[in-house]
Amino acid sequence: MPIHLRAEPSDYAEAVLCPGDPNRATHIAETFFDPGARCVNTERGMLGYTGTYQGHPISVQSTGMGCPSAGIVFEELVMLGAKRLIRVGTSGGLMESMKMGDMVVALSATADDPTPLRLVKMPGYAPTATFSLARTAVDLAVDEGIDWHAGPIVTSGVFYDPDPTTFATWKHSGHIAVEMEAAMMYTVAAIHGLEALAVMTVTDLLGDDGSTVRIGDEELARGVDTMMRVACRVAIS
């Protein structure tokens, strides 16, 4: 039994949704899973649930914030038999055309955090999503009329960045959004031969001068739920 996910392999489905927030894991299980989902982990408040979505086995497991915390969870999900990891979360938008609540599909995730680099023993690394999952997510978004953006993102280890030029640097190099866990998930997936995809809701618009504009709570809830409908369908595809 792993140290932080106090469960047996039979407790998790092969497809696992991975939000950072444990409260969001509960919301996903109660709102999107078929009735009857069960809690399979409460260790350190890292809530996890397993049930079905449209009759297909599926789990959700919170990861906490940042690569070190998320990396522990991803590695232990591998130990428990996970084969497909879908990060569902939030991101800061770097494109001028983005709006609050838009969906981001991360084709790759540049590691602006040393934790993934430590695993691969490389000075720089931008692991990628599983192409078939990314294509499915985009196709579903188009079918449902969801505003979406697909491209490279940055996984940062700093939320309150004191350098006001950072956002402009990321934009200049073609990144479309920033968050804190996707590069770790893609790295663990690459090492262990798993499928992986990160999809996020835009909750902040980031300016070249380091400024941020934050989404409202109601708009955030709508954006996350829209993104979750796509993520659940990708997970069971």
C-alpha atoms as a PDB file:
ATOM      1  CA  MET A   1       0.000   0.000   0.000  1.00  0.00           C
ATOM      2  CA  PRO A   2       1.431   3.451  -0.909  1.00  0.00           C
ATOM      3  CA  ILE A   3       2.225   5.909   1.872  1.00  0.00           C
ATOM      4  CA  HIS A   4      -0.047   8.797   0.864  1.00  0.00           C
ATOM      5  CA  LEU A   5      -2.845   7.062  -1.042  1.00  0.00           C
ATOM      6  CA  ARG A   6      -3.938   4.541   1.551  1.00  0.00           C
ATOM      7  CA  ALA A   7      -5.690   2.220  -0.866  1.00  0.00           C
ATOM      8  CA  GLU A   8      -5.370  -1.065  -2.719  1.00  0.00           C
ATOM      9  CA  PRO A   9      -5.011  -1.336  -6.529  1.00  0.00           C
ATOM     10  CA  SER A  10      -8.632  -2.480  -6.831  1.00  0.00           C
ATOM     11  CA  ASP A  11      -9.775   0.806  -5.258  1.00  0.00           C
ATOM     12  CA  TYR A  12      -8.867   2.917  -8.312  1.00  0.00           C
ATOM     13  CA  ALA A  13     -10.029   2.779 -11.919  1.00  0.00           C
ATOM     14  CA  GLU A  14      -7.422   2.838 -14.688  1.00  0.00           C
ATOM     15  CA  ALA A  15      -8.637   6.317 -15.714  1.00  0.00           C
ATOM     16  CA  VAL A  16      -8.107   8.970 -13.015  1.00  0.00           C
ATOM     17  CA  LEU A  17      -9.079  12.640 -13.034  1.00  0.00           C
ATOM     18  CA  CYS A  18      -6.541  14.725 -11.093  1.00  0.00           C
ATOM     19  CA  PRO A  19      -7.652  18.103  -9.691  1.00  0.00           C
ATOM     20  CA  GLY A  20      -5.434  19.947  -7.264  1.00  0.00           C
ATOM     21  CA  ASP A  21      -8.201  20.867  -4.830  1.00  0.00           C
ATOM     22  CA  PRO A  22      -9.677  18.076  -2.639  1.00  0.00           C
ATOM     23  CA  ASN A  23     -12.983  19.971  -2.522  1.00  0.00           C
ATOM     24  CA  ARG A  24     -13.100  19.841  -6.305  1.00  0.00           C
ATOM     25  CA  ALA A  25     -12.548  16.068  -6.166  1.00  0.00           C
ATOM     26  CA  THR A  26     -15.645  15.777  -3.988  1.00  0.00           C
ATOM     27  CA  HIS A  27     -17.605  18.053  -6.329  1.00  0.00           C
ATOM     28  CA  ILE A  28     -16.609  15.975  -9.343  1.00  0.00           C
ATOM     29  CA  ALA A  29     -17.625  12.706  -7.696  1.00  0.00           C
ATOM     30  CA  GLU A  30     -20.953  14.087  -6.514  1.00  0.00           C
ATOM     31  CA  THR A  31     -21.826  16.064  -9.657  1.00  0.00           C
ATOM     32  CA  PHE A  32     -20.447  14.141 -12.629  1.00  0.00           C
ATOM     33  CA  PHE A  33     -20.048  10.514 -11.586  1.00  0.00           C
ATOM     34  CA  ASP A  34     -22.999   8.134 -11.655  1.00  0.00           C
ATOM     35  CA  PRO A  35     -24.679   7.704  -8.239  1.00  0.00           C
ATOM     36  CA  GLY A  36     -22.824   5.443  -5.828  1.00  0.00           C
ATOM     37  CA  ALA A  37     -19.227   6.714  -6.001  1.00  0.00           C
ATOM     38  CA  ARG A  38     -17.197   5.773  -2.924  1.00  0.00           C
ATOM     39  CA  CYS A  39     -14.380   7.552  -1.143  1.00  0.00           C
ATOM     40  CA  VAL A  40     -11.135   5.567  -1.476  1.00  0.00           C
ATOM     41  CA  ASN A  41      -8.622   7.927   0.137  1.00  0.00           C
ATOM     42  CA  THR A  42      -8.630  10.564   2.877  1.00  0.00           C
ATOM     43  CA  GLU A  43      -4.941  10.516   3.863  1.00  0.00           C
ATOM     44  CA  ARG A  44      -3.630  14.057   4.530  1.00  0.00           C
ATOM     45  CA  GLY A  45      -6.913  15.409   3.184  1.00  0.00           C
ATOM     46  CA  MET A  46      -6.015  14.239  -0.339  1.00  0.00           C
ATOM     47  CA  LEU A  47      -9.516  13.055  -1.158  1.00  0.00           C
ATOM     48  CA  GLY A  48     -10.057  10.363  -3.787  1.00  0.00           C
ATOM     49  CA  TYR A  49     -13.217   8.716  -5.122  1.00  0.00           C
ATOM     50  CA  THR A  50     -14.018   5.857  -7.466  1.00  0.00           C
ATOM     51  CA  GLY A  51     -17.240   5.225  -9.323  1.00  0.00           C
ATOM     52  CA  THR A  52     -18.509   5.230 -12.877  1.00  0.00           C
ATOM     53  CA  TYR A  53     -19.247   7.826 -15.550  1.00  0.00           C
ATOM     54  CA  GLN A  54     -21.886   6.805 -18.070  1.00  0.00           C
ATOM     55  CA  GLY A  55     -21.326   3.271 -16.827  1.00  0.00           C
ATOM     56  CA  HIS A  56     -17.530   3.313 -17.296  1.00  0.00           C
ATOM     57  CA  PRO A  57     -15.122   2.945 -14.338  1.00  0.00           C
ATOM     58  CA  ILE A  58     -13.466   6.220 -13.352  1.00  0.00           C
ATOM     59  CA  SER A  59     -11.663   7.723 -10.356  1.00  0.00           C
ATOM     60  CA  VAL A  60     -10.818  11.222  -9.172  1.00  0.00           C
ATOM     61  CA  GLN A  61      -7.840  11.946  -6.912  1.00  0.00           C
ATOM     62  CA  SER A  62      -6.739  15.346  -5.635  1.00  0.00           C
ATOM     63  CA  THR A  63      -3.030  16.148  -5.957  1.00  0.00           C
ATOM     64  CA  GLY A  64      -2.450  19.297  -3.956  1.00  0.00           C
ATOM     65  CA  MET A  65      -0.619  22.327  -5.342  1.00  0.00           C
ATOM     66  CA  GLY A  66       2.693  22.231  -7.188  1.00  0.00           C
ATOM     67  CA  CYS A  67       4.933  19.594  -8.717  1.00  0.00           C
ATOM     68  CA  PRO A  68       6.368  18.047  -5.518  1.00  0.00           C
ATOM     69  CA  SER A  69       2.941  17.276  -4.044  1.00  0.00           C
ATOM     70  CA  ALA A  70       1.412  16.232  -7.359  1.00  0.00           C
ATOM     71  CA  GLY A  71       4.415  14.066  -8.211  1.00  0.00           C
ATOM     72  CA  ILE A  72       3.894  11.953  -5.102  1.00  0.00           C
ATOM     73  CA  VAL A  73       0.263  11.372  -6.037  1.00  0.00           C
ATOM     74  CA  PHE A  74       1.019  10.571  -9.691  1.00  0.00           C
ATOM     75  CA  GLU A  75       3.702   8.051  -8.716  1.00  0.00           C
ATOM     76  CA  GLU A  76       1.405   6.357  -6.210  1.00  0.00           C
ATOM     77  CA  LEU A  77      -1.445   6.228  -8.730  1.00  0.00           C
ATOM     78  CA  VAL A  78       0.960   4.338 -10.993  1.00  0.00           C
ATOM     79  CA  MET A  79       1.601   1.907  -8.113  1.00  0.00           C
ATOM     80  CA  LEU A  80      -2.162   1.442  -7.789  1.00  0.00           C
ATOM     81  CA  GLY A  81      -2.662   0.578 -11.466  1.00  0.00           C
ATOM     82  CA  ALA A  82      -3.629   3.882 -13.098  1.00  0.00           C
ATOM     83  CA  LYS A  83      -3.152   3.880 -16.886  1.00  0.00           C
ATOM     84  CA  ARG A  84      -4.623   7.256 -17.890  1.00  0.00           C
ATOM     85  CA  LEU A  85      -4.202  10.531 -15.968  1.00  0.00           C
ATOM     86  CA  ILE A  86      -6.332  13.584 -16.782  1.00  0.00           C
ATOM     87  CA  ARG A  87      -5.379  16.781 -14.985  1.00  0.00           C
ATOM     88  CA  VAL A  88      -8.401  19.016 -14.469  1.00  0.00           C
ATOM     89  CA  GLY A  89      -7.716  22.409 -12.993  1.00  0.00           C
ATOM     90  CA  THR A  90      -7.260  26.110 -13.546  1.00  0.00           C
ATOM     91  CA  SER A  91      -4.697  28.236 -15.355  1.00  0.00           C
ATOM     92  CA  GLY A  92      -3.607  31.767 -16.048  1.00  0.00           C
ATOM     93  CA  GLY A  93      -4.183  32.797 -19.656  1.00  0.00           C
ATOM     94  CA  LEU A  94      -1.310  34.322 -21.634  1.00  0.00           C
ATOM     95  CA  MET A  95      -3.048  34.919 -24.995  1.00  0.00           C
ATOM     96  CA  GLU A  96      -4.686  38.236 -25.817  1.00  0.00           C
ATOM     97  CA  SER A  97      -7.644  36.415 -27.369  1.00  0.00           C
ATOM     98  CA  MET A  98      -8.468  34.432 -24.230  1.00  0.00           C
ATOM     99  CA  LYS A  99     -11.531  35.034 -22.085  1.00  0.00           C
ATOM    100  CA  MET A 100     -12.337  34.022 -18.545  1.00  0.00           C
ATOM    101  CA  GLY A 101     -13.759  30.501 -18.468  1.00  0.00           C
ATOM    102  CA  ASP A 102     -12.166  29.362 -21.752  1.00  0.00           C
ATOM    103  CA  MET A 103     -10.735  25.842 -21.868  1.00  0.00           C
ATOM    104  CA  VAL A 104      -7.008  25.169 -22.341  1.00  0.00           C
ATOM    105  CA  VAL A 105      -5.721  21.890 -23.787  1.00  0.00           C
ATOM    106  CA  ALA A 106      -2.027  21.545 -22.911  1.00  0.00           C
ATOM    107  CA  LEU A 107      -0.182  19.950 -25.840  1.00  0.00           C
ATOM    108  CA  SER A 108       3.090  20.271 -23.935  1.00  0.00           C
ATOM    109  CA  ALA A 109       4.164  21.638 -20.562  1.00  0.00           C
ATOM    110  CA  THR A 110       7.472  23.444 -20.181  1.00  0.00           C
ATOM    111  CA  ALA A 111       8.965  22.675 -16.761  1.00  0.00           C
ATOM    112  CA  ASP A 112       9.692  26.035 -15.118  1.00  0.00           C
ATOM    113  CA  ASP A 113      10.068  24.047 -11.900  1.00  0.00           C
ATOM    114  CA  PRO A 114      13.088  21.835 -11.093  1.00  0.00           C
ATOM    115  CA  THR A 115      11.100  18.827  -9.873  1.00  0.00           C
ATOM    116  CA  PRO A 116      10.350  17.259 -13.292  1.00  0.00           C
ATOM    117  CA  LEU A 117      13.917  18.074 -14.367  1.00  0.00           C
ATOM    118  CA  ARG A 118      15.223  16.125 -11.387  1.00  0.00           C
ATOM    119  CA  LEU A 119      13.354  13.039 -12.592  1.00  0.00           C
ATOM    120  CA  VAL A 120      14.615  13.160 -16.174  1.00  0.00           C
ATOM    121  CA  LYS A 121      18.106  14.444 -15.283  1.00  0.00           C
ATOM    122  CA  MET A 122      18.007  17.093 -18.000  1.00  0.00           C
ATOM    123  CA  PRO A 123      18.573  20.877 -17.811  1.00  0.00           C
ATOM    124  CA  GLY A 124      15.344  21.566 -19.708  1.00  0.00           C
ATOM    125  CA  TYR A 125      12.280  19.527 -20.579  1.00  0.00           C
ATOM    126  CA  ALA A 126       8.832  20.074 -22.085  1.00  0.00           C
ATOM    127  CA  PRO A 127       6.931  16.752 -21.904  1.00  0.00           C
ATOM    128  CA  THR A 128       3.860  16.322 -24.061  1.00  0.00           C
ATOM    129  CA  ALA A 129       0.283  15.131 -23.820  1.00  0.00           C
ATOM    130  CA  THR A 130      -0.968  11.931 -25.392  1.00  0.00           C
ATOM    131  CA  PHE A 131      -2.003  13.135 -28.850  1.00  0.00           C
ATOM    132  CA  SER A 132      -5.148  11.007 -29.138  1.00  0.00           C
ATOM    133  CA  LEU A 133      -6.480  12.400 -25.854  1.00  0.00           C
ATOM    134  CA  ALA A 134      -5.736  15.984 -26.881  1.00  0.00           C
ATOM    135  CA  ARG A 135      -7.467  15.454 -30.217  1.00  0.00           C
ATOM    136  CA  THR A 136     -10.509  13.946 -28.479  1.00  0.00           C
ATOM    137  CA  ALA A 137     -10.703  16.905 -26.081  1.00  0.00           C
ATOM    138  CA  VAL A 138     -10.593  19.421 -28.935  1.00  0.00           C
ATOM    139  CA  ASP A 139     -13.184  17.491 -30.964  1.00  0.00           C
ATOM    140  CA  LEU A 140     -15.532  17.393 -27.960  1.00  0.00           C
ATOM    141  CA  ALA A 141     -15.047  21.111 -27.316  1.00  0.00           C
ATOM    142  CA  VAL A 142     -15.883  21.897 -30.946  1.00  0.00           C
ATOM    143  CA  ASP A 143     -18.968  19.687 -30.835  1.00  0.00           C
ATOM    144  CA  GLU A 144     -20.228  21.416 -27.675  1.00  0.00           C
ATOM    145  CA  GLY A 145     -19.410  24.949 -28.825  1.00  0.00           C
ATOM    146  CA  ILE A 146     -16.831  25.511 -26.074  1.00  0.00           C
ATOM    147  CA  ASP A 147     -14.217  28.234 -26.525  1.00  0.00           C
ATOM    148  CA  TRP A 148     -10.892  26.382 -26.429  1.00  0.00           C
ATOM    149  CA  HIS A 149      -7.179  26.943 -26.939  1.00  0.00           C
ATOM    150  CA  ALA A 150      -4.570  24.229 -27.573  1.00  0.00           C
ATOM    151  CA  GLY A 151      -0.826  24.725 -27.348  1.00  0.00           C
ATOM    152  CA  PRO A 152       2.219  24.712 -25.088  1.00  0.00           C
ATOM    153  CA  ILE A 153       1.836  25.798 -21.478  1.00  0.00           C
ATOM    154  CA  VAL A 154       4.249  26.531 -18.617  1.00  0.00           C
ATOM    155  CA  THR A 155       4.288  24.662 -15.317  1.00  0.00           C
ATOM    156  CA  SER A 156       5.610  27.113 -12.741  1.00  0.00           C
ATOM    157  CA  GLY A 157       6.830  26.466  -9.209  1.00  0.00           C
ATOM    158  CA  VAL A 158       6.016  30.027  -8.087  1.00  0.00           C
ATOM    159  CA  PHE A 159       2.474  31.350  -7.735  1.00  0.00           C
ATOM    160  CA  TYR A 160       3.299  34.877  -6.490  1.00  0.00           C
ATOM    161  CA  ASP A 161       6.137  35.651  -8.884  1.00  0.00           C
ATOM    162  CA  PRO A 162       8.049  38.812  -7.851  1.00  0.00           C
ATOM    163  CA  ASP A 163       9.432  39.311 -11.376  1.00  0.00           C
ATOM    164  CA  PRO A 164       7.000  41.461 -13.404  1.00  0.00           C
ATOM    165  CA  THR A 165       8.619  40.419 -16.697  1.00  0.00           C
ATOM    166  CA  THR A 166       7.916  36.692 -16.356  1.00  0.00           C
ATOM    167  CA  PHE A 167       4.536  36.652 -18.101  1.00  0.00           C
ATOM    168  CA  ALA A 168       5.907  38.583 -21.073  1.00  0.00           C
ATOM    169  CA  THR A 169       8.806  36.127 -21.383  1.00  0.00           C
ATOM    170  CA  TRP A 170       6.441  33.164 -21.484  1.00  0.00           C
ATOM    171  CA  LYS A 171       4.222  34.889 -24.040  1.00  0.00           C
ATOM    172  CA  HIS A 172       7.226  35.744 -26.220  1.00  0.00           C
ATOM    173  CA  SER A 173       8.173  32.056 -26.370  1.00  0.00           C
ATOM    174  CA  GLY A 174       4.684  31.044 -27.527  1.00  0.00           C
ATOM    175  CA  HIS A 175       3.170  29.633 -24.340  1.00  0.00           C
ATOM    176  CA  ILE A 176      -0.585  30.061 -24.013  1.00  0.00           C
ATOM    177  CA  ALA A 177      -1.148  29.503 -20.287  1.00  0.00           C
ATOM    178  CA  VAL A 178       0.537  28.769 -16.963  1.00  0.00           C
ATOM    179  CA  GLU A 179      -0.332  26.397 -14.105  1.00  0.00           C
ATOM    180  CA  MET A 180       1.576  24.308 -11.518  1.00  0.00           C
ATOM    181  CA  GLU A 181       1.242  20.528 -12.075  1.00  0.00           C
ATOM    182  CA  ALA A 182       0.970  19.465 -15.737  1.00  0.00           C
ATOM    183  CA  ALA A 183       4.699  19.090 -16.484  1.00  0.00           C
ATOM    184  CA  MET A 184       5.027  16.763 -13.516  1.00  0.00           C
ATOM    185  CA  MET A 185       2.112  14.640 -14.683  1.00  0.00           C
ATOM    186  CA  TYR A 186       3.409  14.463 -18.258  1.00  0.00           C
ATOM    187  CA  THR A 187       6.876  13.542 -16.976  1.00  0.00           C
ATOM    188  CA  VAL A 188       5.627  10.735 -14.735  1.00  0.00           C
ATOM    189  CA  ALA A 189       3.417   9.499 -17.583  1.00  0.00           C
ATOM    190  CA  ALA A 190       6.341   9.494 -20.028  1.00  0.00           C
ATOM    191  CA  ILE A 191       8.602   7.584 -17.640  1.00  0.00           C
ATOM    192  CA  HIS A 192       5.969   4.952 -16.841  1.00  0.00           C
ATOM    193  CA  GLY A 193       4.306   4.708 -20.262  1.00  0.00           C
ATOM    194  CA  LEU A 194       0.922   6.144 -19.232  1.00  0.00           C
ATOM    195  CA  GLU A 195      -1.544   8.239 -21.211  1.00  0.00           C
ATOM    196  CA  ALA A 196      -1.946  11.791 -19.942  1.00  0.00           C
ATOM    197  CA  LEU A 197      -3.730  15.041 -20.732  1.00  0.00           C
ATOM    198  CA  ALA A 198      -4.089  18.330 -18.891  1.00  0.00           C
ATOM    199  CA  VAL A 199      -7.175  20.469 -19.484  1.00  0.00           C
ATOM    200  CA  MET A 200      -7.726  23.666 -17.542  1.00  0.00           C
ATOM    201  CA  THR A 201     -10.148  26.551 -17.189  1.00  0.00           C
ATOM    202  CA  VAL A 202      -8.775  30.081 -17.625  1.00  0.00           C
ATOM    203  CA  THR A 203      -9.252  31.823 -14.274  1.00  0.00           C
ATOM    204  CA  ASP A 204      -6.787  34.708 -14.649  1.00  0.00           C
ATOM    205  CA  LEU A 205      -5.732  36.917 -17.546  1.00  0.00           C
ATOM    206  CA  LEU A 206      -2.028  37.754 -17.244  1.00  0.00           C
ATOM    207  CA  GLY A 207      -0.582  41.017 -18.537  1.00  0.00           C
ATOM    208  CA  ASP A 208       2.870  41.717 -19.950  1.00  0.00           C
ATOM    209  CA  ASP A 209       3.521  44.018 -16.988  1.00  0.00           C
ATOM    210  CA  GLY A 210       2.900  41.260 -14.436  1.00  0.00           C
ATOM    211  CA  SER A 211      -0.693  42.315 -13.751  1.00  0.00           C
ATOM    212  CA  THR A 212      -3.511  39.816 -13.283  1.00  0.00           C
ATOM    213  CA  VAL A 213      -7.276  39.973 -13.641  1.00  0.00           C
ATOM    214  CA  ARG A 214      -9.136  37.298 -11.653  1.00  0.00           C
ATOM    215  CA  ILE A 215     -12.342  35.477 -12.573  1.00  0.00           C
ATOM    216  CA  GLY A 216     -15.482  35.744 -10.414  1.00  0.00           C
ATOM    217  CA  ASP A 217     -16.691  32.748  -8.420  1.00  0.00           C
ATOM    218  CA  GLU A 218     -19.861  32.147 -10.476  1.00  0.00           C
ATOM    219  CA  GLU A 219     -18.023  32.404 -13.784  1.00  0.00           C
ATOM    220  CA  LEU A 220     -15.331  30.080 -12.417  1.00  0.00           C
ATOM    221  CA  ALA A 221     -17.897  27.461 -11.435  1.00  0.00           C
ATOM    222  CA  ARG A 222     -19.477  27.562 -14.900  1.00  0.00           C
ATOM    223  CA  GLY A 223     -16.114  27.289 -16.640  1.00  0.00           C
ATOM    224  CA  VAL A 224     -14.939  24.396 -14.498  1.00  0.00           C
ATOM    225  CA  ASP A 225     -18.168  22.453 -14.979  1.00  0.00           C
ATOM    226  CA  THR A 226     -17.985  22.972 -18.753  1.00  0.00           C
ATOM    227  CA  MET A 227     -14.397  21.733 -18.789  1.00  0.00           C
ATOM    228  CA  MET A 228     -15.316  18.762 -16.585  1.00  0.00           C
ATOM    229  CA  ARG A 229     -17.910  17.503 -19.056  1.00  0.00           C
ATOM    230  CA  VAL A 230     -15.166  17.263 -21.654  1.00  0.00           C
ATOM    231  CA  ALA A 231     -12.614  15.745 -19.256  1.00  0.00           C
ATOM    232  CA  CYS A 232     -14.933  12.969 -18.096  1.00  0.00           C
ATOM    233  CA  ARG A 233     -15.679  11.984 -21.665  1.00  0.00           C
ATOM    234  CA  VAL A 234     -11.979  12.024 -22.558  1.00  0.00           C
ATOM    235  CA  ALA A 235     -11.203   9.842 -19.525  1.00  0.00           C
ATOM    236  CA  ILE A 236     -13.522   7.056 -20.697  1.00  0.00           C
ATOM    237  CA  SER A 237     -12.787   7.406 -24.425  1.00  0.00           C
END
